[in-house]
Amino acid sequence: MHTYRLEILTIVAIAAFCMVFLYTSSISRDTAFAGTDSIAAAKISGSSGTSPEKIQPLIPQWVPPSGEIESTLFGLQAAIGGGFIGGVFGYWIGQKKNG
């Protein structure tokens, strides 16, 4: 007898993610998309009275010299993360087949 606990949990997690995504995307149809950095700067400037341009980050950040380098680094990060996740799932499947 096969239990479907993992499959049901996965379906529930995907459904919850989809519901949260659809809810948050339906809330603000009239506003432009803004990243978390600009939203946080606006909140801080609203409560402290300083302009968002004068707010300095706590940790200095490196800015890539071009958009191509930025997208390459993003793709590299995604590939490393995908390889790690695939390796973990592959290890689990191997352990399940051998054990």
N, C-alpha and C. Protein backbone atom coordinates (compact mmCIF):
# COMPACT_ATOMS: atom_id res chain seq x y z
N MET A 1 0.84 -1.18 0.00
CA MET A 1 0.00 0.00 0.00
C MET A 1 0.89 1.24 0.00
N HIS A 2 0.61 2.13 -0.91
CA HIS A 2 1.43 3.35 -1.06
C HIS A 2 0.69 4.53 -0.44
N THR A 3 1.37 5.24 0.42
CA THR A 3 0.75 6.44 0.98
C THR A 3 1.11 7.63 0.11
N TYR A 4 0.18 8.52 -0.02
CA TYR A 4 0.35 9.68 -0.87
C TYR A 4 0.56 10.96 -0.06
N ARG A 5 1.17 10.83 1.10
CA ARG A 5 1.34 11.97 1.98
C ARG A 5 2.20 13.06 1.35
N LEU A 6 3.33 12.70 0.75
CA LEU A 6 4.22 13.70 0.14
C LEU A 6 3.56 14.37 -1.06
N GLU A 7 2.85 13.58 -1.86
CA GLU A 7 2.18 14.15 -3.02
C GLU A 7 1.09 15.13 -2.60
N ILE A 8 0.31 14.76 -1.60
CA ILE A 8 -0.75 15.65 -1.11
C ILE A 8 -0.17 16.91 -0.52
N LEU A 9 0.92 16.79 0.24
CA LEU A 9 1.58 17.95 0.83
C LEU A 9 2.11 18.88 -0.26
N THR A 10 2.68 18.31 -1.31
CA THR A 10 3.19 19.11 -2.42
C THR A 10 2.05 19.85 -3.13
N ILE A 11 0.96 19.18 -3.37
CA ILE A 11 -0.19 19.82 -4.03
C ILE A 11 -0.76 20.94 -3.17
N VAL A 12 -0.84 20.71 -1.86
CA VAL A 12 -1.35 21.73 -0.95
C VAL A 12 -0.41 22.94 -0.94
N ALA A 13 0.90 22.71 -0.93
CA ALA A 13 1.86 23.81 -0.92
C ALA A 13 1.77 24.62 -2.22
N ILE A 14 1.65 23.94 -3.35
CA ILE A 14 1.53 24.64 -4.64
C ILE A 14 0.23 25.44 -4.69
N ALA A 15 -0.86 24.84 -4.22
CA ALA A 15 -2.15 25.54 -4.22
C ALA A 15 -2.10 26.76 -3.31
N ALA A 16 -1.46 26.65 -2.14
CA ALA A 16 -1.35 27.79 -1.23
C ALA A 16 -0.53 28.90 -1.87
N PHE A 17 0.57 28.55 -2.52
CA PHE A 17 1.39 29.55 -3.19
C PHE A 17 0.59 30.25 -4.28
N CYS A 18 -0.15 29.49 -5.07
CA CYS A 18 -0.95 30.09 -6.15
C CYS A 18 -2.02 31.02 -5.60
N MET A 19 -2.67 30.62 -4.50
CA MET A 19 -3.69 31.48 -3.91
C MET A 19 -3.10 32.78 -3.39
N VAL A 20 -1.95 32.70 -2.72
CA VAL A 20 -1.31 33.91 -2.21
C VAL A 20 -0.86 34.80 -3.36
N PHE A 21 -0.30 34.20 -4.41
CA PHE A 21 0.14 34.98 -5.56
C PHE A 21 -1.03 35.68 -6.24
N LEU A 22 -2.11 34.94 -6.46
CA LEU A 22 -3.27 35.54 -7.11
C LEU A 22 -3.90 36.63 -6.25
N TYR A 23 -3.93 36.43 -4.95
CA TYR A 23 -4.49 37.44 -4.06
C TYR A 23 -3.65 38.71 -4.07
N THR A 24 -2.34 38.58 -3.94
CA THR A 24 -1.49 39.77 -3.90
C THR A 24 -1.43 40.47 -5.25
N SER A 25 -1.52 39.73 -6.33
CA SER A 25 -1.48 40.39 -7.64
C SER A 25 -2.81 41.05 -7.97
N SER A 26 -3.90 40.63 -7.33
CA SER A 26 -5.19 41.25 -7.62
C SER A 26 -5.47 42.47 -6.75
N ILE A 27 -4.69 42.67 -5.70
CA ILE A 27 -4.93 43.80 -4.79
C ILE A 27 -4.63 45.13 -5.46
N SER A 28 -3.46 45.25 -6.07
CA SER A 28 -3.01 46.55 -6.58
C SER A 28 -2.91 46.52 -8.09
N ARG A 29 -4.00 46.77 -8.76
CA ARG A 29 -3.99 46.80 -10.22
C ARG A 29 -3.60 48.17 -10.77
N ASP A 30 -3.83 49.24 -10.00
CA ASP A 30 -3.59 50.57 -10.52
C ASP A 30 -2.19 51.10 -10.19
N THR A 31 -1.38 50.37 -9.47
CA THR A 31 -0.05 50.84 -9.13
C THR A 31 1.00 50.15 -9.99
N ALA A 32 2.11 50.81 -10.20
CA ALA A 32 3.21 50.23 -10.96
C ALA A 32 3.98 49.27 -10.06
N PHE A 33 4.64 48.30 -10.68
CA PHE A 33 5.43 47.34 -9.91
C PHE A 33 6.63 48.04 -9.30
N ALA A 34 6.85 47.81 -8.02
CA ALA A 34 8.00 48.38 -7.33
C ALA A 34 8.67 47.28 -6.52
N GLY A 35 9.97 47.31 -6.48
CA GLY A 35 10.71 46.32 -5.71
C GLY A 35 10.65 46.62 -4.22
N THR A 36 11.13 45.67 -3.44
CA THR A 36 11.07 45.83 -1.99
C THR A 36 11.99 46.95 -1.50
N ASP A 37 13.08 47.20 -2.22
CA ASP A 37 13.98 48.27 -1.79
C ASP A 37 13.30 49.63 -1.88
N SER A 38 12.60 49.88 -2.98
CA SER A 38 11.95 51.18 -3.12
C SER A 38 10.76 51.32 -2.17
N ILE A 39 10.04 50.22 -1.93
CA ILE A 39 8.93 50.28 -0.98
C ILE A 39 9.45 50.54 0.42
N ALA A 40 10.53 49.86 0.82
CA ALA A 40 11.10 50.08 2.14
C ALA A 40 11.62 51.50 2.29
N ALA A 41 12.26 52.03 1.25
CA ALA A 41 12.77 53.40 1.31
C ALA A 41 11.62 54.40 1.46
N ALA A 42 10.52 54.14 0.78
CA ALA A 42 9.37 55.04 0.90
C ALA A 42 8.77 54.98 2.30
N LYS A 43 8.69 53.79 2.89
CA LYS A 43 8.16 53.66 4.25
C LYS A 43 9.07 54.36 5.26
N ILE A 44 10.38 54.17 5.11
CA ILE A 44 11.32 54.80 6.04
C ILE A 44 11.27 56.31 5.90
N SER A 45 11.23 56.80 4.66
CA SER A 45 11.20 58.24 4.47
C SER A 45 9.89 58.84 4.98
N GLY A 46 8.82 58.08 4.90
CA GLY A 46 7.55 58.57 5.41
C GLY A 46 7.54 58.70 6.92
N SER A 47 8.21 57.76 7.60
CA SER A 47 8.20 57.80 9.06
C SER A 47 9.30 58.69 9.63
N SER A 48 10.42 58.87 8.89
CA SER A 48 11.51 59.66 9.43
C SER A 48 11.56 61.09 8.88
N GLY A 49 10.88 61.35 7.77
CA GLY A 49 10.86 62.68 7.21
C GLY A 49 12.02 62.99 6.28
N THR A 50 12.88 62.02 5.96
CA THR A 50 13.98 62.24 5.02
C THR A 50 13.57 61.75 3.64
N SER A 51 14.24 62.26 2.63
CA SER A 51 13.91 61.85 1.27
C SER A 51 14.52 60.47 0.98
N PRO A 52 13.89 59.66 0.13
CA PRO A 52 14.41 58.31 -0.15
C PRO A 52 15.80 58.31 -0.78
N GLU A 53 16.17 59.39 -1.48
CA GLU A 53 17.49 59.44 -2.11
C GLU A 53 18.61 59.56 -1.08
N LYS A 54 18.32 60.10 0.09
CA LYS A 54 19.36 60.31 1.10
C LYS A 54 19.55 59.11 2.02
N ILE A 55 18.71 58.10 1.89
CA ILE A 55 18.83 56.92 2.74
C ILE A 55 19.95 56.04 2.21
N GLN A 56 20.92 55.72 3.05
CA GLN A 56 22.06 54.90 2.67
C GLN A 56 21.83 53.46 3.13
N PRO A 57 22.23 52.46 2.32
CA PRO A 57 22.07 51.07 2.75
C PRO A 57 23.01 50.75 3.92
N LEU A 58 22.59 49.82 4.76
CA LEU A 58 23.43 49.43 5.89
C LEU A 58 24.66 48.66 5.44
N ILE A 59 24.50 47.85 4.39
CA ILE A 59 25.60 47.06 3.85
C ILE A 59 25.90 47.58 2.44
N PRO A 60 27.13 48.00 2.17
CA PRO A 60 27.45 48.48 0.83
C PRO A 60 27.25 47.37 -0.20
N GLN A 61 26.69 47.72 -1.35
CA GLN A 61 26.41 46.74 -2.37
C GLN A 61 27.21 47.03 -3.63
N TRP A 62 27.69 45.95 -4.26
CA TRP A 62 28.42 46.07 -5.50
C TRP A 62 27.43 46.15 -6.65
N VAL A 63 27.60 47.10 -7.54
CA VAL A 63 26.74 47.24 -8.70
C VAL A 63 27.52 46.76 -9.92
N PRO A 64 26.99 45.78 -10.67
CA PRO A 64 27.70 45.29 -11.85
C PRO A 64 27.86 46.40 -12.89
N PRO A 65 28.96 46.38 -13.65
CA PRO A 65 29.20 47.45 -14.62
C PRO A 65 28.22 47.48 -15.79
N SER A 66 27.55 46.36 -16.10
CA SER A 66 26.59 46.38 -17.22
C SER A 66 25.45 45.41 -16.94
N GLY A 67 24.40 45.55 -17.72
CA GLY A 67 23.24 44.68 -17.56
C GLY A 67 23.54 43.25 -17.98
N GLU A 68 24.46 43.06 -18.93
CA GLU A 68 24.81 41.72 -19.37
C GLU A 68 25.50 40.94 -18.26
N ILE A 69 26.38 41.60 -17.53
CA ILE A 69 27.06 40.94 -16.42
C ILE A 69 26.07 40.62 -15.31
N GLU A 70 25.15 41.52 -15.07
CA GLU A 70 24.13 41.29 -14.04
C GLU A 70 23.27 40.09 -14.39
N SER A 71 22.82 40.00 -15.65
CA SER A 71 21.98 38.86 -16.03
C SER A 71 22.78 37.56 -16.05
N THR A 72 24.07 37.63 -16.40
CA THR A 72 24.91 36.44 -16.36
C THR A 72 25.08 35.93 -14.93
N LEU A 73 25.31 36.84 -14.00
CA LEU A 73 25.44 36.44 -12.60
C LEU A 73 24.13 35.88 -12.06
N PHE A 74 23.01 36.46 -12.48
CA PHE A 74 21.72 35.94 -12.06
C PHE A 74 21.50 34.53 -12.61
N GLY A 75 21.84 34.31 -13.88
CA GLY A 75 21.72 32.98 -14.47
C GLY A 75 22.63 31.97 -13.80
N LEU A 76 23.83 32.39 -13.45
CA LEU A 76 24.76 31.51 -12.74
C LEU A 76 24.21 31.13 -11.37
N GLN A 77 23.65 32.10 -10.68
CA GLN A 77 23.04 31.84 -9.38
C GLN A 77 21.89 30.85 -9.52
N ALA A 78 21.06 31.01 -10.54
CA ALA A 78 19.94 30.10 -10.76
C ALA A 78 20.44 28.69 -11.10
N ALA A 79 21.49 28.59 -11.89
CA ALA A 79 22.04 27.28 -12.26
C ALA A 79 22.62 26.56 -11.04
N ILE A 80 23.34 27.28 -10.20
CA ILE A 80 23.91 26.68 -8.99
C ILE A 80 22.79 26.22 -8.06
N GLY A 81 21.78 27.06 -7.88
CA GLY A 81 20.66 26.68 -7.03
C GLY A 81 19.90 25.48 -7.57
N GLY A 82 19.68 25.45 -8.90
CA GLY A 82 19.00 24.31 -9.51
C GLY A 82 19.82 23.04 -9.40
N GLY A 83 21.13 23.15 -9.56
CA GLY A 83 22.01 21.98 -9.39
C GLY A 83 21.99 21.46 -7.97
N PHE A 84 21.98 22.36 -7.01
CA PHE A 84 21.93 21.95 -5.61
C PHE A 84 20.62 21.24 -5.29
N ILE A 85 19.52 21.84 -5.72
CA ILE A 85 18.21 21.23 -5.45
C ILE A 85 18.09 19.88 -6.17
N GLY A 86 18.56 19.80 -7.42
CA GLY A 86 18.54 18.53 -8.13
C GLY A 86 19.41 17.49 -7.47
N GLY A 87 20.54 17.90 -6.94
CA GLY A 87 21.42 16.97 -6.23
C GLY A 87 20.78 16.43 -4.97
N VAL A 88 20.10 17.29 -4.23
CA VAL A 88 19.43 16.85 -3.00
C VAL A 88 18.32 15.86 -3.33
N PHE A 89 17.48 16.19 -4.33
CA PHE A 89 16.40 15.28 -4.69
C PHE A 89 16.95 13.98 -5.28
N GLY A 90 18.01 14.06 -6.05
CA GLY A 90 18.64 12.85 -6.57
C GLY A 90 19.20 11.97 -5.47
N TYR A 91 19.79 12.58 -4.47
CA TYR A 91 20.30 11.81 -3.33
C TYR A 91 19.16 11.13 -2.59
N TRP A 92 18.07 11.85 -2.38
CA TRP A 92 16.92 11.27 -1.68
C TRP A 92 16.33 10.09 -2.47
N ILE A 93 16.21 10.24 -3.77
CA ILE A 93 15.67 9.15 -4.59
C ILE A 93 16.62 7.97 -4.58
N GLY A 94 17.92 8.22 -4.64
CA GLY A 94 18.90 7.14 -4.56
C GLY A 94 18.85 6.40 -3.24
N GLN A 95 18.69 7.14 -2.16
CA GLN A 95 18.58 6.51 -0.85
C GLN A 95 17.30 5.68 -0.73
N LYS A 96 16.24 6.18 -1.34
CA LYS A 96 14.97 5.47 -1.28
C LYS A 96 15.04 4.15 -2.08
N LYS A 97 15.73 4.19 -3.23
CA LYS A 97 15.84 2.99 -4.05
C LYS A 97 16.80 1.98 -3.41
N ASN A 98 17.84 2.43 -2.76
CA ASN A 98 18.83 1.53 -2.17
C ASN A 98 18.44 1.06 -0.77
N GLY A 99 17.61 1.80 -0.12
CA GLY A 99 17.33 1.47 1.28
C GLY A 99 16.00 0.94 1.48
